[in-house]
C-alpha atoms as a PDB file:
ATOM      1  CA  MET A   1     -11.407 -40.689 -74.096  1.00  0.00           C
ATOM      2  CA  LYS A   2     -11.737 -37.120 -75.372  1.00  0.00           C
ATOM      3  CA  ARG A   3     -15.271 -37.889 -76.527  1.00  0.00           C
ATOM      4  CA  ASN A   4     -16.120 -39.283 -73.076  1.00  0.00           C
ATOM      5  CA  MET A   5     -14.812 -36.115 -71.424  1.00  0.00           C
ATOM      6  CA  GLN A   6     -16.608 -33.812 -73.816  1.00  0.00           C
ATOM      7  CA  GLY A   7     -19.823 -35.791 -73.587  1.00  0.00           C
ATOM      8  CA  ALA A   8     -19.769 -35.986 -69.797  1.00  0.00           C
ATOM      9  CA  LEU A   9     -18.998 -32.293 -69.418  1.00  0.00           C
ATOM     10  CA  LEU A  10     -21.676 -31.348 -71.942  1.00  0.00           C
ATOM     11  CA  LEU A  11     -24.146 -33.515 -70.053  1.00  0.00           C
ATOM     12  CA  ALA A  12     -23.166 -31.849 -66.794  1.00  0.00           C
ATOM     13  CA  ALA A  13     -23.341 -28.404 -68.404  1.00  0.00           C
ATOM     14  CA  GLY A  14     -26.776 -29.175 -69.738  1.00  0.00           C
ATOM     15  CA  ALA A  15     -27.984 -30.334 -66.356  1.00  0.00           C
ATOM     16  CA  PHE A  16     -26.594 -27.210 -64.703  1.00  0.00           C
ATOM     17  CA  LEU A  17     -27.411 -24.643 -67.348  1.00  0.00           C
ATOM     18  CA  PHE A  18     -30.933 -25.758 -68.148  1.00  0.00           C
ATOM     19  CA  HIS A  19     -32.129 -25.959 -64.563  1.00  0.00           C
ATOM     20  CA  PRO A  20     -35.215 -23.712 -64.427  1.00  0.00           C
ATOM     21  CA  ILE A  21     -34.533 -20.250 -63.076  1.00  0.00           C
ATOM     22  CA  PRO A  22     -36.858 -19.286 -60.221  1.00  0.00           C
ATOM     23  CA  GLY A  23     -38.893 -16.152 -60.725  1.00  0.00           C
ATOM     24  CA  ARG A  24     -39.309 -16.564 -64.483  1.00  0.00           C
ATOM     25  CA  ALA A  25     -42.079 -18.649 -65.970  1.00  0.00           C
ATOM     26  CA  GLN A  26     -40.998 -21.336 -68.374  1.00  0.00           C
ATOM     27  CA  GLY A  27     -41.284 -20.023 -71.895  1.00  0.00           C
ATOM     28  CA  ALA A  28     -41.367 -16.422 -70.709  1.00  0.00           C
ATOM     29  CA  PRO A  29     -39.329 -14.080 -72.844  1.00  0.00           C
ATOM     30  CA  ALA A  30     -35.901 -13.209 -71.517  1.00  0.00           C
ATOM     31  CA  THR A  31     -36.191  -9.508 -72.339  1.00  0.00           C
ATOM     32  CA  SER A  32     -38.599  -6.812 -71.324  1.00  0.00           C
ATOM     33  CA  ALA A  33     -40.893  -5.279 -73.927  1.00  0.00           C
ATOM     34  CA  SER A  34     -40.201  -1.827 -72.515  1.00  0.00           C
ATOM     35  CA  GLN A  35     -36.435  -2.430 -72.687  1.00  0.00           C
ATOM     36  CA  PRO A  36     -35.729  -4.427 -75.844  1.00  0.00           C
ATOM     37  CA  ASP A  37     -31.960  -4.422 -75.282  1.00  0.00           C
ATOM     38  CA  ALA A  38     -32.156  -5.263 -71.577  1.00  0.00           C
ATOM     39  CA  GLY A  39     -30.643  -8.728 -72.013  1.00  0.00           C
ATOM     40  CA  PRO A  40     -31.589 -11.837 -70.068  1.00  0.00           C
ATOM     41  CA  ALA A  41     -33.994 -11.455 -67.182  1.00  0.00           C
ATOM     42  CA  MET A  42     -32.390 -11.867 -63.771  1.00  0.00           C
ATOM     43  CA  PRO A  43     -33.845 -14.405 -61.343  1.00  0.00           C
ATOM     44  CA  THR A  44     -35.719 -13.016 -58.386  1.00  0.00           C
ATOM     45  CA  SER A  45     -34.820 -15.616 -55.762  1.00  0.00           C
ATOM     46  CA  ALA A  46     -33.106 -18.901 -54.944  1.00  0.00           C
ATOM     47  CA  THR A  47     -34.946 -21.067 -52.464  1.00  0.00           C
ATOM     48  CA  ASP A  48     -33.402 -23.541 -50.052  1.00  0.00           C
ATOM     49  CA  GLU A  49     -34.938 -26.247 -52.228  1.00  0.00           C
ATOM     50  CA  ASP A  50     -33.221 -24.860 -55.365  1.00  0.00           C
ATOM     51  CA  ILE A  51     -29.860 -24.933 -53.634  1.00  0.00           C
ATOM     52  CA  LYS A  52     -30.443 -28.390 -52.128  1.00  0.00           C
ATOM     53  CA  MET A  53     -31.395 -29.768 -55.545  1.00  0.00           C
ATOM     54  CA  LEU A  54     -28.357 -28.178 -57.169  1.00  0.00           C
ATOM     55  CA  ARG A  55     -25.999 -29.545 -54.521  1.00  0.00           C
ATOM     56  CA  ALA A  56     -27.500 -33.042 -54.718  1.00  0.00           C
ATOM     57  CA  GLY A  57     -27.179 -33.022 -58.489  1.00  0.00           C
ATOM     58  CA  ILE A  58     -23.580 -31.891 -58.333  1.00  0.00           C
ATOM     59  CA  ARG A  59     -22.664 -34.553 -55.785  1.00  0.00           C
ATOM     60  CA  SER A  60     -24.293 -37.372 -57.696  1.00  0.00           C
ATOM     61  CA  ASN A  61     -22.810 -36.390 -61.047  1.00  0.00           C
ATOM     62  CA  ARG A  62     -19.366 -35.162 -60.027  1.00  0.00           C
ATOM     63  CA  LYS A  63     -17.881 -38.501 -58.994  1.00  0.00           C
ATOM     64  CA  GLN A  64     -19.413 -40.224 -61.997  1.00  0.00           C
ATOM     65  CA  ILE A  65     -17.929 -37.647 -64.376  1.00  0.00           C
ATOM     66  CA  VAL A  66     -14.510 -37.986 -62.748  1.00  0.00           C
ATOM     67  CA  ALA A  67     -14.693 -41.798 -62.883  1.00  0.00           C
ATOM     68  CA  THR A  68     -15.786 -41.804 -66.515  1.00  0.00           C
ATOM     69  CA  ASN A  69     -12.935 -39.563 -67.595  1.00  0.00           C
ATOM     70  CA  MET A  70      -9.961 -40.641 -65.485  1.00  0.00           C
ATOM     71  CA  SER A  71      -9.195 -44.142 -66.880  1.00  0.00           C
ATOM     72  CA  LEU A  72      -7.541 -45.204 -63.639  1.00  0.00           C
ATOM     73  CA  THR A  73      -5.816 -48.551 -63.318  1.00  0.00           C
ATOM     74  CA  THR A  74      -6.970 -50.761 -60.445  1.00  0.00           C
ATOM     75  CA  ASP A  75      -3.906 -49.760 -58.412  1.00  0.00           C
ATOM     76  CA  GLU A  76      -4.404 -46.047 -59.139  1.00  0.00           C
ATOM     77  CA  ALA A  77      -8.117 -46.251 -58.314  1.00  0.00           C
ATOM     78  CA  THR A  78      -7.392 -47.949 -54.987  1.00  0.00           C
ATOM     79  CA  LYS A  79      -5.202 -44.988 -54.024  1.00  0.00           C
ATOM     80  CA  PHE A  80      -7.150 -42.203 -55.756  1.00  0.00           C
ATOM     81  CA  TRP A  81     -10.724 -42.654 -54.513  1.00  0.00           C
ATOM     82  CA  PRO A  82     -10.038 -42.412 -50.753  1.00  0.00           C
ATOM     83  CA  LEU A  83      -8.092 -39.176 -51.318  1.00  0.00           C
ATOM     84  CA  TYR A  84     -10.816 -37.935 -53.661  1.00  0.00           C
ATOM     85  CA  GLU A  85     -13.446 -38.553 -50.952  1.00  0.00           C
ATOM     86  CA  GLU A  86     -11.313 -36.707 -48.389  1.00  0.00           C
ATOM     87  CA  TYR A  87     -10.806 -33.807 -50.816  1.00  0.00           C
ATOM     88  CA  THR A  88     -14.480 -33.507 -51.758  1.00  0.00           C
ATOM     89  CA  ALA A  89     -15.513 -33.584 -48.090  1.00  0.00           C
ATOM     90  CA  GLU A  90     -13.273 -30.557 -47.499  1.00  0.00           C
ATOM     91  CA  VAL A  91     -14.631 -28.860 -50.621  1.00  0.00           C
ATOM     92  CA  ARG A  92     -18.166 -29.397 -49.279  1.00  0.00           C
ATOM     93  CA  ARG A  93     -17.192 -27.929 -45.896  1.00  0.00           C
ATOM     94  CA  ILE A  94     -15.860 -24.794 -47.609  1.00  0.00           C
ATOM     95  CA  ASN A  95     -18.840 -24.561 -49.953  1.00  0.00           C
ATOM     96  CA  ASP A  96     -21.163 -24.770 -46.932  1.00  0.00           C
ATOM     97  CA  LYS A  97     -19.927 -21.249 -46.128  1.00  0.00           C
ATOM     98  CA  ARG A  98     -20.894 -20.119 -49.619  1.00  0.00           C
ATOM     99  CA  TRP A  99     -24.374 -21.681 -49.300  1.00  0.00           C
ATOM    100  CA  ALA A 100     -24.895 -20.058 -45.881  1.00  0.00           C
ATOM    101  CA  MET A 101     -23.857 -16.688 -47.289  1.00  0.00           C
ATOM    102  CA  MET A 102     -26.174 -17.153 -50.270  1.00  0.00           C
ATOM    103  CA  LYS A 103     -29.081 -18.030 -47.996  1.00  0.00           C
ATOM    104  CA  ASP A 104     -28.436 -14.932 -45.897  1.00  0.00           C
ATOM    105  CA  TYR A 105     -28.114 -12.857 -49.066  1.00  0.00           C
ATOM    106  CA  ALA A 106     -31.479 -14.135 -50.346  1.00  0.00           C
ATOM    107  CA  ALA A 107     -33.145 -13.376 -47.006  1.00  0.00           C
ATOM    108  CA  ASN A 108     -31.752  -9.846 -46.875  1.00  0.00           C
ATOM    109  CA  GLN A 109     -31.603  -8.895 -50.531  1.00  0.00           C
ATOM    110  CA  ALA A 110     -34.636  -6.595 -50.498  1.00  0.00           C
ATOM    111  CA  ASN A 111     -33.371  -4.546 -47.528  1.00  0.00           C
ATOM    112  CA  MET A 112     -29.612  -5.064 -47.785  1.00  0.00           C
ATOM    113  CA  THR A 113     -27.387  -2.514 -46.102  1.00  0.00           C
ATOM    114  CA  ASP A 114     -24.076  -1.360 -47.547  1.00  0.00           C
ATOM    115  CA  GLU A 115     -22.276  -3.241 -44.745  1.00  0.00           C
ATOM    116  CA  GLN A 116     -24.090  -6.459 -45.579  1.00  0.00           C
ATOM    117  CA  ALA A 117     -23.209  -6.044 -49.253  1.00  0.00           C
ATOM    118  CA  LYS A 118     -19.536  -5.629 -48.357  1.00  0.00           C
ATOM    119  CA  ASP A 119     -19.711  -8.679 -46.065  1.00  0.00           C
ATOM    120  CA  TYR A 120     -21.172 -10.802 -48.879  1.00  0.00           C
ATOM    121  CA  MET A 121     -18.371  -9.734 -51.194  1.00  0.00           C
ATOM    122  CA  ARG A 122     -15.746 -10.437 -48.518  1.00  0.00           C
ATOM    123  CA  ILE A 123     -17.152 -13.872 -47.674  1.00  0.00           C
ATOM    124  CA  SER A 124     -17.372 -14.820 -51.338  1.00  0.00           C
ATOM    125  CA  ALA A 125     -13.736 -13.835 -51.894  1.00  0.00           C
ATOM    126  CA  GLU A 126     -12.671 -15.737 -48.748  1.00  0.00           C
ATOM    127  CA  VAL A 127     -14.430 -18.885 -49.937  1.00  0.00           C
ATOM    128  CA  ASP A 128     -12.766 -18.588 -53.348  1.00  0.00           C
ATOM    129  CA  GLY A 129      -9.395 -18.198 -51.618  1.00  0.00           C
ATOM    130  CA  GLU A 130     -10.022 -21.203 -49.362  1.00  0.00           C
ATOM    131  CA  LEU A 131     -10.833 -23.363 -52.383  1.00  0.00           C
ATOM    132  CA  ILE A 132      -7.654 -22.250 -54.151  1.00  0.00           C
ATOM    133  CA  THR A 133      -5.638 -23.012 -51.002  1.00  0.00           C
ATOM    134  CA  LEU A 134      -7.319 -26.404 -50.695  1.00  0.00           C
ATOM    135  CA  ARG A 135      -6.422 -27.289 -54.288  1.00  0.00           C
ATOM    136  CA  GLY A 136      -2.845 -26.225 -53.585  1.00  0.00           C
ATOM    137  CA  LYS A 137      -2.804 -28.562 -50.583  1.00  0.00           C
ATOM    138  CA  TYR A 138      -4.312 -31.570 -52.376  1.00  0.00           C
ATOM    139  CA  MET A 139      -2.834 -31.420 -55.861  1.00  0.00           C
ATOM    140  CA  PRO A 140       0.662 -32.486 -54.689  1.00  0.00           C
ATOM    141  CA  ARG A 141      -0.986 -35.388 -52.867  1.00  0.00           C
ATOM    142  CA  PHE A 142      -2.799 -36.443 -56.046  1.00  0.00           C
ATOM    143  CA  GLU A 143       0.508 -36.112 -57.918  1.00  0.00           C
ATOM    144  CA  GLN A 144       2.082 -38.600 -55.482  1.00  0.00           C
ATOM    145  CA  LEU A 145      -0.631 -41.156 -56.281  1.00  0.00           C
ATOM    146  CA  LEU A 146      -1.041 -40.651 -60.008  1.00  0.00           C
ATOM    147  CA  PRO A 147       1.167 -40.103 -63.031  1.00  0.00           C
ATOM    148  CA  PRO A 148       1.564 -36.334 -63.654  1.00  0.00           C
ATOM    149  CA  LYS A 149      -0.765 -36.193 -66.663  1.00  0.00           C
ATOM    150  CA  LYS A 150      -3.548 -37.991 -64.792  1.00  0.00           C
ATOM    151  CA  ALA A 151      -3.135 -35.656 -61.824  1.00  0.00           C
ATOM    152  CA  VAL A 152      -3.418 -32.671 -64.172  1.00  0.00           C
ATOM    153  CA  GLN A 153      -6.411 -34.279 -65.859  1.00  0.00           C
ATOM    154  CA  PHE A 154      -8.151 -34.587 -62.498  1.00  0.00           C
ATOM    155  CA  TYR A 155      -7.364 -30.939 -61.725  1.00  0.00           C
ATOM    156  CA  GLN A 156      -8.845 -29.900 -65.075  1.00  0.00           C
ATOM    157  CA  ILE A 157     -12.012 -31.939 -64.571  1.00  0.00           C
ATOM    158  CA  ASP A 158     -12.405 -30.630 -61.018  1.00  0.00           C
ATOM    159  CA  ARG A 159     -11.972 -27.009 -62.157  1.00  0.00           C
ATOM    160  CA  ARG A 160     -14.420 -27.378 -65.030  1.00  0.00           C
ATOM    161  CA  LEU A 161     -17.046 -28.882 -62.765  1.00  0.00           C
ATOM    162  CA  ASP A 162     -16.459 -26.083 -60.253  1.00  0.00           C
ATOM    163  CA  MET A 163     -16.891 -23.467 -62.979  1.00  0.00           C
ATOM    164  CA  LEU A 164     -20.136 -25.097 -64.134  1.00  0.00           C
ATOM    165  CA  MET A 165     -21.437 -25.135 -60.572  1.00  0.00           C
ATOM    166  CA  ASN A 166     -20.564 -21.467 -60.087  1.00  0.00           C
ATOM    167  CA  LEU A 167     -22.281 -20.568 -63.340  1.00  0.00           C
ATOM    168  CA  GLN A 168     -25.435 -22.320 -62.177  1.00  0.00           C
ATOM    169  CA  LEU A 169     -25.284 -20.591 -58.798  1.00  0.00           C
ATOM    170  CA  ALA A 170     -24.874 -17.245 -60.508  1.00  0.00           C
ATOM    171  CA  SER A 171     -28.050 -17.927 -62.484  1.00  0.00           C
ATOM    172  CA  LEU A 172     -29.988 -18.559 -59.257  1.00  0.00           C
ATOM    173  CA  ILE A 173     -28.905 -15.457 -57.376  1.00  0.00           C
ATOM    174  CA  PRO A 174     -30.137 -12.043 -58.485  1.00  0.00           C
ATOM    175  CA  LEU A 175     -27.730  -9.156 -58.774  1.00  0.00           C
ATOM    176  CA  VAL A 176     -27.668  -6.579 -55.994  1.00  0.00           C
ATOM    177  CA  ASP A 177     -30.111  -3.768 -56.644  1.00  0.00           C
ATOM    178  CA  PRO A 178     -28.119  -0.609 -55.860  1.00  0.00           C
ATOM    179  CA  THR A 179     -31.354   1.418 -55.623  1.00  0.00           C
ATOM    180  CA  ASN A 180     -32.591  -0.446 -52.529  1.00  0.00           C
END
């Protein structure tokens, strides 16, 4: 079971982490010749297509990773999957706010005002808070359906997948340029 979990999460990490970064040619060096210690190059943009592809990949892999790693009995699965679908639909609704904010950010990045920058930070924090609240709402419901260790296992898998998704999103969105 541990090997399944590690393998599935490594597979997911690979799919997320090795998605090409827009704005940098494949094989291009990650550092600038004029700034040898500059670190990895930052992406220059995230297109609607990049985000759509990322979301589709997450949706198709997420349920499979959960299913592979949960070892649910038939009775547990009958109860778990409808609640899982309800939960992930709410997660998607909340994440739609993040995607909308990211799209707006990408459209306004070159000419961003200080107020817009503060709004992006506020919206991002609100979305994070909504996801935490949502987990707090659903975890007791999962605990009613599953033995405690399986409920915790689901929480761990869900959190790890969320962290991987956020890491991938961070790689698609360039940092704010304070000089603009």
